[in-house]
Amino acid sequence: MVEQKLERKTDDGIFQGALESAQQLLEATVKAENETSELSYDFMTGKTDNIHNLMIAQEKSSILLQFTMQVRNQVMQAYQEIMRISV
């Protein structure tokens, strides 16, 4: 499961912490997608008949992907807002 760690950091470390959190989220999403693919393959080839675990893995993967896309959208909005600021 993805754990979010919120810590107070200095101004220098805020961006680094956000970047590390985004990296962890992407890694968790890729891992969930890979697990789902593996379970799907096992189910289709008859190695397992446990549809319950497959459905749970698919939903988990879907939720993580949706969350990742929402984070991406928020980052893009923040970037666009920063670019609008005149210096």
PDB file of N, CA and C in Angstrom:
ATOM      1  N   MET A   1       0.841  -1.174   0.000  1.00  0.00           N
ATOM      2  CA  MET A   1       0.000   0.000   0.000  1.00  0.00           C
ATOM      3  C   MET A   1       0.886   1.237   0.000  1.00  0.00           C
ATOM      4  N   VAL A   2       0.399   2.276  -0.583  1.00  0.00           N
ATOM      5  CA  VAL A   2       1.153   3.514  -0.659  1.00  0.00           C
ATOM      6  C   VAL A   2       0.995   4.258   0.653  1.00  0.00           C
ATOM      7  N   GLU A   3       2.112   4.588   1.242  1.00  0.00           N
ATOM      8  CA  GLU A   3       2.084   5.354   2.480  1.00  0.00           C
ATOM      9  C   GLU A   3       2.556   6.760   2.175  1.00  0.00           C
ATOM     10  N   GLN A   4       1.797   7.726   2.614  1.00  0.00           N
ATOM     11  CA  GLN A   4       2.191   9.103   2.412  1.00  0.00           C
ATOM     12  C   GLN A   4       2.871   9.599   3.673  1.00  0.00           C
ATOM     13  N   LYS A   5       4.059  10.150   3.488  1.00  0.00           N
ATOM     14  CA  LYS A   5       4.813  10.674   4.618  1.00  0.00           C
ATOM     15  C   LYS A   5       4.888  12.184   4.475  1.00  0.00           C
ATOM     16  N   LEU A   6       4.332  12.869   5.433  1.00  0.00           N
ATOM     17  CA  LEU A   6       4.381  14.319   5.438  1.00  0.00           C
ATOM     18  C   LEU A   6       5.292  14.753   6.570  1.00  0.00           C
ATOM     19  N   GLU A   7       6.341  15.418   6.217  1.00  0.00           N
ATOM     20  CA  GLU A   7       7.292  15.876   7.216  1.00  0.00           C
ATOM     21  C   GLU A   7       7.547  17.361   7.015  1.00  0.00           C
ATOM     22  N   ARG A   8       7.840  18.032   8.095  1.00  0.00           N
ATOM     23  CA  ARG A   8       8.248  19.433   8.008  1.00  0.00           C
ATOM     24  C   ARG A   8       9.686  19.470   7.518  1.00  0.00           C
ATOM     25  N   LYS A   9       9.905  20.218   6.464  1.00  0.00           N
ATOM     26  CA  LYS A   9      11.251  20.309   5.912  1.00  0.00           C
ATOM     27  C   LYS A   9      11.601  21.770   5.715  1.00  0.00           C
ATOM     28  N   THR A  10      12.878  22.027   5.529  1.00  0.00           N
ATOM     29  CA  THR A  10      13.305  23.379   5.221  1.00  0.00           C
ATOM     30  C   THR A  10      12.893  23.695   3.800  1.00  0.00           C
ATOM     31  N   ASP A  11      12.982  24.954   3.422  1.00  0.00           N
ATOM     32  CA  ASP A  11      12.613  25.356   2.068  1.00  0.00           C
ATOM     33  C   ASP A  11      13.418  24.605   1.017  1.00  0.00           C
ATOM     34  N   ASP A  12      14.669  24.291   1.302  1.00  0.00           N
ATOM     35  CA  ASP A  12      15.514  23.581   0.344  1.00  0.00           C
ATOM     36  C   ASP A  12      15.033  22.156   0.123  1.00  0.00           C
ATOM     37  N   GLY A  13      14.426  21.539   1.117  1.00  0.00           N
ATOM     38  CA  GLY A  13      14.049  20.137   1.020  1.00  0.00           C
ATOM     39  C   GLY A  13      12.612  19.884   0.600  1.00  0.00           C
ATOM     40  N   ILE A  14      11.810  20.922   0.461  1.00  0.00           N
ATOM     41  CA  ILE A  14      10.402  20.726   0.119  1.00  0.00           C
ATOM     42  C   ILE A  14      10.262  20.100  -1.258  1.00  0.00           C
ATOM     43  N   PHE A  15      10.952  20.658  -2.237  1.00  0.00           N
ATOM     44  CA  PHE A  15      10.845  20.115  -3.592  1.00  0.00           C
ATOM     45  C   PHE A  15      11.384  18.697  -3.647  1.00  0.00           C
ATOM     46  N   GLN A  16      12.487  18.445  -2.963  1.00  0.00           N
ATOM     47  CA  GLN A  16      13.074  17.101  -2.956  1.00  0.00           C
ATOM     48  C   GLN A  16      12.101  16.096  -2.347  1.00  0.00           C
ATOM     49  N   GLY A  17      11.443  16.467  -1.274  1.00  0.00           N
ATOM     50  CA  GLY A  17      10.462  15.584  -0.647  1.00  0.00           C
ATOM     51  C   GLY A  17       9.276  15.303  -1.559  1.00  0.00           C
ATOM     52  N   ALA A  18       8.802  16.330  -2.245  1.00  0.00           N
ATOM     53  CA  ALA A  18       7.689  16.144  -3.180  1.00  0.00           C
ATOM     54  C   ALA A  18       8.100  15.250  -4.339  1.00  0.00           C
ATOM     55  N   LEU A  19       9.315  15.431  -4.809  1.00  0.00           N
ATOM     56  CA  LEU A  19       9.824  14.609  -5.905  1.00  0.00           C
ATOM     57  C   LEU A  19       9.948  13.150  -5.484  1.00  0.00           C
ATOM     58  N   GLU A  20      10.440  12.914  -4.279  1.00  0.00           N
ATOM     59  CA  GLU A  20      10.566  11.543  -3.771  1.00  0.00           C
ATOM     60  C   GLU A  20       9.195  10.897  -3.590  1.00  0.00           C
ATOM     61  N   SER A  21       8.220  11.652  -3.109  1.00  0.00           N
ATOM     62  CA  SER A  21       6.862  11.124  -2.948  1.00  0.00           C
ATOM     63  C   SER A  21       6.253  10.759  -4.294  1.00  0.00           C
ATOM     64  N   ALA A  22       6.471  11.607  -5.288  1.00  0.00           N
ATOM     65  CA  ALA A  22       5.964  11.316  -6.632  1.00  0.00           C
ATOM     66  C   ALA A  22       6.625  10.070  -7.203  1.00  0.00           C
ATOM     67  N   GLN A  23       7.920   9.926  -6.974  1.00  0.00           N
ATOM     68  CA  GLN A  23       8.643   8.746  -7.451  1.00  0.00           C
ATOM     69  C   GLN A  23       8.098   7.481  -6.791  1.00  0.00           C
ATOM     70  N   GLN A  24       7.843   7.534  -5.495  1.00  0.00           N
ATOM     71  CA  GLN A  24       7.292   6.379  -4.779  1.00  0.00           C
ATOM     72  C   GLN A  24       5.896   6.032  -5.289  1.00  0.00           C
ATOM     73  N   LEU A  25       5.102   7.040  -5.589  1.00  0.00           N
ATOM     74  CA  LEU A  25       3.763   6.811  -6.125  1.00  0.00           C
ATOM     75  C   LEU A  25       3.837   6.128  -7.485  1.00  0.00           C
ATOM     76  N   LEU A  26       4.737   6.597  -8.337  1.00  0.00           N
ATOM     77  CA  LEU A  26       4.903   5.973  -9.652  1.00  0.00           C
ATOM     78  C   LEU A  26       5.376   4.532  -9.529  1.00  0.00           C
ATOM     79  N   GLU A  27       6.306   4.290  -8.630  1.00  0.00           N
ATOM     80  CA  GLU A  27       6.803   2.926  -8.432  1.00  0.00           C
ATOM     81  C   GLU A  27       5.692   2.007  -7.928  1.00  0.00           C
ATOM     82  N   ALA A  28       4.867   2.492  -7.015  1.00  0.00           N
ATOM     83  CA  ALA A  28       3.756   1.689  -6.498  1.00  0.00           C
ATOM     84  C   ALA A  28       2.733   1.403  -7.593  1.00  0.00           C
ATOM     85  N   THR A  29       2.497   2.383  -8.458  1.00  0.00           N
ATOM     86  CA  THR A  29       1.550   2.199  -9.556  1.00  0.00           C
ATOM     87  C   THR A  29       2.060   1.159 -10.542  1.00  0.00           C
ATOM     88  N   VAL A  30       3.332   1.247 -10.892  1.00  0.00           N
ATOM     89  CA  VAL A  30       3.921   0.275 -11.817  1.00  0.00           C
ATOM     90  C   VAL A  30       3.904  -1.123 -11.205  1.00  0.00           C
ATOM     91  N   LYS A  31       4.223  -1.222  -9.927  1.00  0.00           N
ATOM     92  CA  LYS A  31       4.218  -2.521  -9.245  1.00  0.00           C
ATOM     93  C   LYS A  31       2.814  -3.127  -9.253  1.00  0.00           C
ATOM     94  N   ALA A  32       1.807  -2.321  -8.973  1.00  0.00           N
ATOM     95  CA  ALA A  32       0.426  -2.810  -8.972  1.00  0.00           C
ATOM     96  C   ALA A  32       0.003  -3.254 -10.369  1.00  0.00           C
ATOM     97  N   GLU A  33       0.398  -2.498 -11.388  1.00  0.00           N
ATOM     98  CA  GLU A  33       0.076  -2.877 -12.769  1.00  0.00           C
ATOM     99  C   GLU A  33       0.739  -4.202 -13.132  1.00  0.00           C
ATOM    100  N   ASN A  34       1.988  -4.374 -12.732  1.00  0.00           N
ATOM    101  CA  ASN A  34       2.700  -5.623 -13.023  1.00  0.00           C
ATOM    102  C   ASN A  34       2.061  -6.813 -12.311  1.00  0.00           C
ATOM    103  N   GLU A  35       1.677  -6.627 -11.057  1.00  0.00           N
ATOM    104  CA  GLU A  35       1.018  -7.697 -10.308  1.00  0.00           C
ATOM    105  C   GLU A  35      -0.310  -8.078 -10.958  1.00  0.00           C
ATOM    106  N   THR A  36      -1.054  -7.076 -11.417  1.00  0.00           N
ATOM    107  CA  THR A  36      -2.328  -7.334 -12.082  1.00  0.00           C
ATOM    108  C   THR A  36      -2.116  -8.098 -13.382  1.00  0.00           C
ATOM    109  N   SER A  37      -1.112  -7.703 -14.137  1.00  0.00           N
ATOM    110  CA  SER A  37      -0.816  -8.401 -15.392  1.00  0.00           C
ATOM    111  C   SER A  37      -0.441  -9.854 -15.133  1.00  0.00           C
ATOM    112  N   GLU A  38       0.363 -10.071 -14.110  1.00  0.00           N
ATOM    113  CA  GLU A  38       0.786 -11.431 -13.769  1.00  0.00           C
ATOM    114  C   GLU A  38      -0.411 -12.284 -13.333  1.00  0.00           C
ATOM    115  N   LEU A  39      -1.275 -11.724 -12.489  1.00  0.00           N
ATOM    116  CA  LEU A  39      -2.464 -12.460 -12.055  1.00  0.00           C
ATOM    117  C   LEU A  39      -3.409 -12.733 -13.225  1.00  0.00           C
ATOM    118  N   SER A  40      -3.549 -11.763 -14.119  1.00  0.00           N
ATOM    119  CA  SER A  40      -4.399 -11.957 -15.298  1.00  0.00           C
ATOM    120  C   SER A  40      -3.862 -13.076 -16.173  1.00  0.00           C
ATOM    121  N   TYR A  41      -2.561 -13.077 -16.388  1.00  0.00           N
ATOM    122  CA  TYR A  41      -1.936 -14.123 -17.200  1.00  0.00           C
ATOM    123  C   TYR A  41      -2.138 -15.495 -16.559  1.00  0.00           C
ATOM    124  N   ASP A  42      -1.912 -15.570 -15.250  1.00  0.00           N
ATOM    125  CA  ASP A  42      -2.104 -16.841 -14.540  1.00  0.00           C
ATOM    126  C   ASP A  42      -3.550 -17.322 -14.640  1.00  0.00           C
ATOM    127  N   PHE A  43      -4.496 -16.395 -14.550  1.00  0.00           N
ATOM    128  CA  PHE A  43      -5.905 -16.773 -14.641  1.00  0.00           C
ATOM    129  C   PHE A  43      -6.252 -17.250 -16.049  1.00  0.00           C
ATOM    130  N   MET A  44      -5.756 -16.539 -17.066  1.00  0.00           N
ATOM    131  CA  MET A  44      -6.068 -16.909 -18.446  1.00  0.00           C
ATOM    132  C   MET A  44      -5.420 -18.223 -18.861  1.00  0.00           C
ATOM    133  N   THR A  45      -4.263 -18.532 -18.312  1.00  0.00           N
ATOM    134  CA  THR A  45      -3.586 -19.778 -18.673  1.00  0.00           C
ATOM    135  C   THR A  45      -4.007 -20.945 -17.792  1.00  0.00           C
ATOM    136  N   GLY A  46      -4.864 -20.700 -16.820  1.00  0.00           N
ATOM    137  CA  GLY A  46      -5.374 -21.770 -15.981  1.00  0.00           C
ATOM    138  C   GLY A  46      -4.487 -22.125 -14.803  1.00  0.00           C
ATOM    139  N   LYS A  47      -3.460 -21.327 -14.542  1.00  0.00           N
ATOM    140  CA  LYS A  47      -2.588 -21.596 -13.392  1.00  0.00           C
ATOM    141  C   LYS A  47      -3.307 -21.340 -12.074  1.00  0.00           C
ATOM    142  N   THR A  48      -4.327 -20.502 -12.126  1.00  0.00           N
ATOM    143  CA  THR A  48      -5.127 -20.217 -10.931  1.00  0.00           C
ATOM    144  C   THR A  48      -6.577 -20.020 -11.346  1.00  0.00           C
ATOM    145  N   ASP A  49      -7.470 -20.277 -10.445  1.00  0.00           N
ATOM    146  CA  ASP A  49      -8.882 -20.020 -10.718  1.00  0.00           C
ATOM    147  C   ASP A  49      -9.461 -19.028  -9.707  1.00  0.00           C
ATOM    148  N   ASN A  50      -8.572 -18.318  -9.032  1.00  0.00           N
ATOM    149  CA  ASN A  50      -8.978 -17.374  -7.990  1.00  0.00           C
ATOM    150  C   ASN A  50      -9.287 -16.014  -8.618  1.00  0.00           C
ATOM    151  N   ILE A  51     -10.516 -15.845  -9.053  1.00  0.00           N
ATOM    152  CA  ILE A  51     -10.930 -14.584  -9.676  1.00  0.00           C
ATOM    153  C   ILE A  51     -11.018 -13.459  -8.647  1.00  0.00           C
ATOM    154  N   HIS A  52     -11.223 -13.830  -7.392  1.00  0.00           N
ATOM    155  CA  HIS A  52     -11.351 -12.842  -6.318  1.00  0.00           C
ATOM    156  C   HIS A  52     -10.082 -11.985  -6.217  1.00  0.00           C
ATOM    157  N   ASN A  53      -8.918 -12.628  -6.132  1.00  0.00           N
ATOM    158  CA  ASN A  53      -7.658 -11.880  -6.033  1.00  0.00           C
ATOM    159  C   ASN A  53      -7.386 -11.066  -7.289  1.00  0.00           C
ATOM    160  N   LEU A  54      -7.776 -11.606  -8.446  1.00  0.00           N
ATOM    161  CA  LEU A  54      -7.587 -10.875  -9.698  1.00  0.00           C
ATOM    162  C   LEU A  54      -8.409  -9.593  -9.710  1.00  0.00           C
ATOM    163  N   MET A  55      -9.653  -9.670  -9.288  1.00  0.00           N
ATOM    164  CA  MET A  55     -10.513  -8.483  -9.271  1.00  0.00           C
ATOM    165  C   MET A  55     -10.010  -7.439  -8.276  1.00  0.00           C
ATOM    166  N   ILE A  56      -9.538  -7.891  -7.129  1.00  0.00           N
ATOM    167  CA  ILE A  56      -8.984  -6.962  -6.139  1.00  0.00           C
ATOM    168  C   ILE A  56      -7.750  -6.271  -6.704  1.00  0.00           C
ATOM    169  N   ALA A  57      -6.878  -7.028  -7.349  1.00  0.00           N
ATOM    170  CA  ALA A  57      -5.664  -6.452  -7.931  1.00  0.00           C
ATOM    171  C   ALA A  57      -6.010  -5.453  -9.029  1.00  0.00           C
ATOM    172  N   GLN A  58      -7.021  -5.760  -9.843  1.00  0.00           N
ATOM    173  CA  GLN A  58      -7.424  -4.840 -10.903  1.00  0.00           C
ATOM    174  C   GLN A  58      -7.967  -3.538 -10.333  1.00  0.00           C
ATOM    175  N   GLU A  59      -8.770  -3.622  -9.302  1.00  0.00           N
ATOM    176  CA  GLU A  59      -9.315  -2.411  -8.686  1.00  0.00           C
ATOM    177  C   GLU A  59      -8.219  -1.586  -8.015  1.00  0.00           C
ATOM    178  N   LYS A  60      -7.320  -2.258  -7.319  1.00  0.00           N
ATOM    179  CA  LYS A  60      -6.205  -1.565  -6.673  1.00  0.00           C
ATOM    180  C   LYS A  60      -5.370  -0.833  -7.718  1.00  0.00           C
ATOM    181  N   SER A  61      -5.093  -1.514  -8.803  1.00  0.00           N
ATOM    182  CA  SER A  61      -4.311  -0.928  -9.883  1.00  0.00           C
ATOM    183  C   SER A  61      -5.036   0.266 -10.499  1.00  0.00           C
ATOM    184  N   SER A  62      -6.328   0.124 -10.700  1.00  0.00           N
ATOM    185  CA  SER A  62      -7.123   1.200 -11.279  1.00  0.00           C
ATOM    186  C   SER A  62      -7.141   2.429 -10.373  1.00  0.00           C
ATOM    187  N   ILE A  63      -7.326   2.212  -9.086  1.00  0.00           N
ATOM    188  CA  ILE A  63      -7.360   3.327  -8.132  1.00  0.00           C
ATOM    189  C   ILE A  63      -6.010   4.034  -8.073  1.00  0.00           C
ATOM    190  N   LEU A  64      -4.928   3.262  -8.038  1.00  0.00           N
ATOM    191  CA  LEU A  64      -3.596   3.875  -8.015  1.00  0.00           C
ATOM    192  C   LEU A  64      -3.335   4.683  -9.280  1.00  0.00           C
ATOM    193  N   LEU A  65      -3.769   4.162 -10.433  1.00  0.00           N
ATOM    194  CA  LEU A  65      -3.570   4.889 -11.684  1.00  0.00           C
ATOM    195  C   LEU A  65      -4.375   6.183 -11.696  1.00  0.00           C
ATOM    196  N   GLN A  66      -5.608   6.130 -11.220  1.00  0.00           N
ATOM    197  CA  GLN A  66      -6.430   7.337 -11.154  1.00  0.00           C
ATOM    198  C   GLN A  66      -5.811   8.368 -10.212  1.00  0.00           C
ATOM    199  N   PHE A  67      -5.316   7.911  -9.068  1.00  0.00           N
ATOM    200  CA  PHE A  67      -4.680   8.816  -8.114  1.00  0.00           C
ATOM    201  C   PHE A  67      -3.418   9.435  -8.715  1.00  0.00           C
ATOM    202  N   THR A  68      -2.632   8.619  -9.404  1.00  0.00           N
ATOM    203  CA  THR A  68      -1.415   9.116 -10.052  1.00  0.00           C
ATOM    204  C   THR A  68      -1.758  10.187 -11.078  1.00  0.00           C
ATOM    205  N   MET A  69      -2.809   9.968 -11.847  1.00  0.00           N
ATOM    206  CA  MET A  69      -3.215  10.959 -12.844  1.00  0.00           C
ATOM    207  C   MET A  69      -3.691  12.248 -12.177  1.00  0.00           C
ATOM    208  N   GLN A  70      -4.369  12.148 -11.053  1.00  0.00           N
ATOM    209  CA  GLN A  70      -4.802  13.344 -10.340  1.00  0.00           C
ATOM    210  C   GLN A  70      -3.605  14.136  -9.810  1.00  0.00           C
ATOM    211  N   VAL A  71      -2.612  13.435  -9.289  1.00  0.00           N
ATOM    212  CA  VAL A  71      -1.395  14.106  -8.818  1.00  0.00           C
ATOM    213  C   VAL A  71      -0.709  14.791  -9.989  1.00  0.00           C
ATOM    214  N   ARG A  72      -0.613  14.093 -11.112  1.00  0.00           N
ATOM    215  CA  ARG A  72      -0.001  14.669 -12.311  1.00  0.00           C
ATOM    216  C   ARG A  72      -0.748  15.936 -12.732  1.00  0.00           C
ATOM    217  N   ASN A  73      -2.070  15.888 -12.743  1.00  0.00           N
ATOM    218  CA  ASN A  73      -2.862  17.051 -13.137  1.00  0.00           C
ATOM    219  C   ASN A  73      -2.630  18.228 -12.195  1.00  0.00           C
ATOM    220  N   GLN A  74      -2.535  17.952 -10.903  1.00  0.00           N
ATOM    221  CA  GLN A  74      -2.282  19.020  -9.935  1.00  0.00           C
ATOM    222  C   GLN A  74      -0.897  19.634 -10.136  1.00  0.00           C
ATOM    223  N   VAL A  75       0.078  18.792 -10.422  1.00  0.00           N
ATOM    224  CA  VAL A  75       1.437  19.289 -10.678  1.00  0.00           C
ATOM    225  C   VAL A  75       1.446  20.168 -11.925  1.00  0.00           C
ATOM    226  N   MET A  76       0.746  19.739 -12.962  1.00  0.00           N
ATOM    227  CA  MET A  76       0.686  20.533 -14.192  1.00  0.00           C
ATOM    228  C   MET A  76       0.001  21.875 -13.944  1.00  0.00           C
ATOM    229  N   GLN A  77      -1.062  21.880 -13.151  1.00  0.00           N
ATOM    230  CA  GLN A  77      -1.735  23.133 -12.830  1.00  0.00           C
ATOM    231  C   GLN A  77      -0.818  24.062 -12.042  1.00  0.00           C
ATOM    232  N   ALA A  78      -0.083  23.508 -11.095  1.00  0.00           N
ATOM    233  CA  ALA A  78       0.848  24.321 -10.305  1.00  0.00           C
ATOM    234  C   ALA A  78       1.942  24.889 -11.197  1.00  0.00           C
ATOM    235  N   TYR A  79       2.464  24.080 -12.101  1.00  0.00           N
ATOM    236  CA  TYR A  79       3.503  24.544 -13.024  1.00  0.00           C
ATOM    237  C   TYR A  79       2.973  25.683 -13.895  1.00  0.00           C
ATOM    238  N   GLN A  80       1.771  25.514 -14.440  1.00  0.00           N
ATOM    239  CA  GLN A  80       1.189  26.558 -15.281  1.00  0.00           C
ATOM    240  C   GLN A  80       0.967  27.840 -14.488  1.00  0.00           C
ATOM    241  N   GLU A  81       0.561  27.710 -13.244  1.00  0.00           N
ATOM    242  CA  GLU A  81       0.359  28.884 -12.396  1.00  0.00           C
ATOM    243  C   GLU A  81       1.686  29.598 -12.137  1.00  0.00           C
ATOM    244  N   ILE A  82       2.730  28.836 -11.879  1.00  0.00           N
ATOM    245  CA  ILE A  82       4.054  29.424 -11.657  1.00  0.00           C
ATOM    246  C   ILE A  82       4.535  30.139 -12.914  1.00  0.00           C
ATOM    247  N   MET A  83       4.281  29.555 -14.070  1.00  0.00           N
ATOM    248  CA  MET A  83       4.724  30.161 -15.326  1.00  0.00           C
ATOM    249  C   MET A  83       3.982  31.459 -15.617  1.00  0.00           C
ATOM    250  N   ARG A  84       2.781  31.628 -15.077  1.00  0.00           N
ATOM    251  CA  ARG A  84       2.013  32.857 -15.279  1.00  0.00           C
ATOM    252  C   ARG A  84       2.512  34.009 -14.411  1.00  0.00           C
ATOM    253  N   ILE A  85       3.243  33.693 -13.369  1.00  0.00           N
ATOM    254  CA  ILE A  85       3.742  34.729 -12.464  1.00  0.00           C
ATOM    255  C   ILE A  85       4.827  35.521 -13.179  1.00  0.00           C
ATOM    256  N   SER A  86       4.655  36.832 -13.205  1.00  0.00           N
ATOM    257  CA  SER A  86       5.683  37.670 -13.826  1.00  0.00           C
ATOM    258  C   SER A  86       6.697  38.085 -12.769  1.00  0.00           C
ATOM    259  N   VAL A  87       7.943  38.032 -13.166  1.00  0.00           N
ATOM    260  CA  VAL A  87       9.023  38.334 -12.231  1.00  0.00           C
ATOM    261  C   VAL A  87       9.499  39.743 -12.424  1.00  0.00           C
TER     262      VAL A  87
END
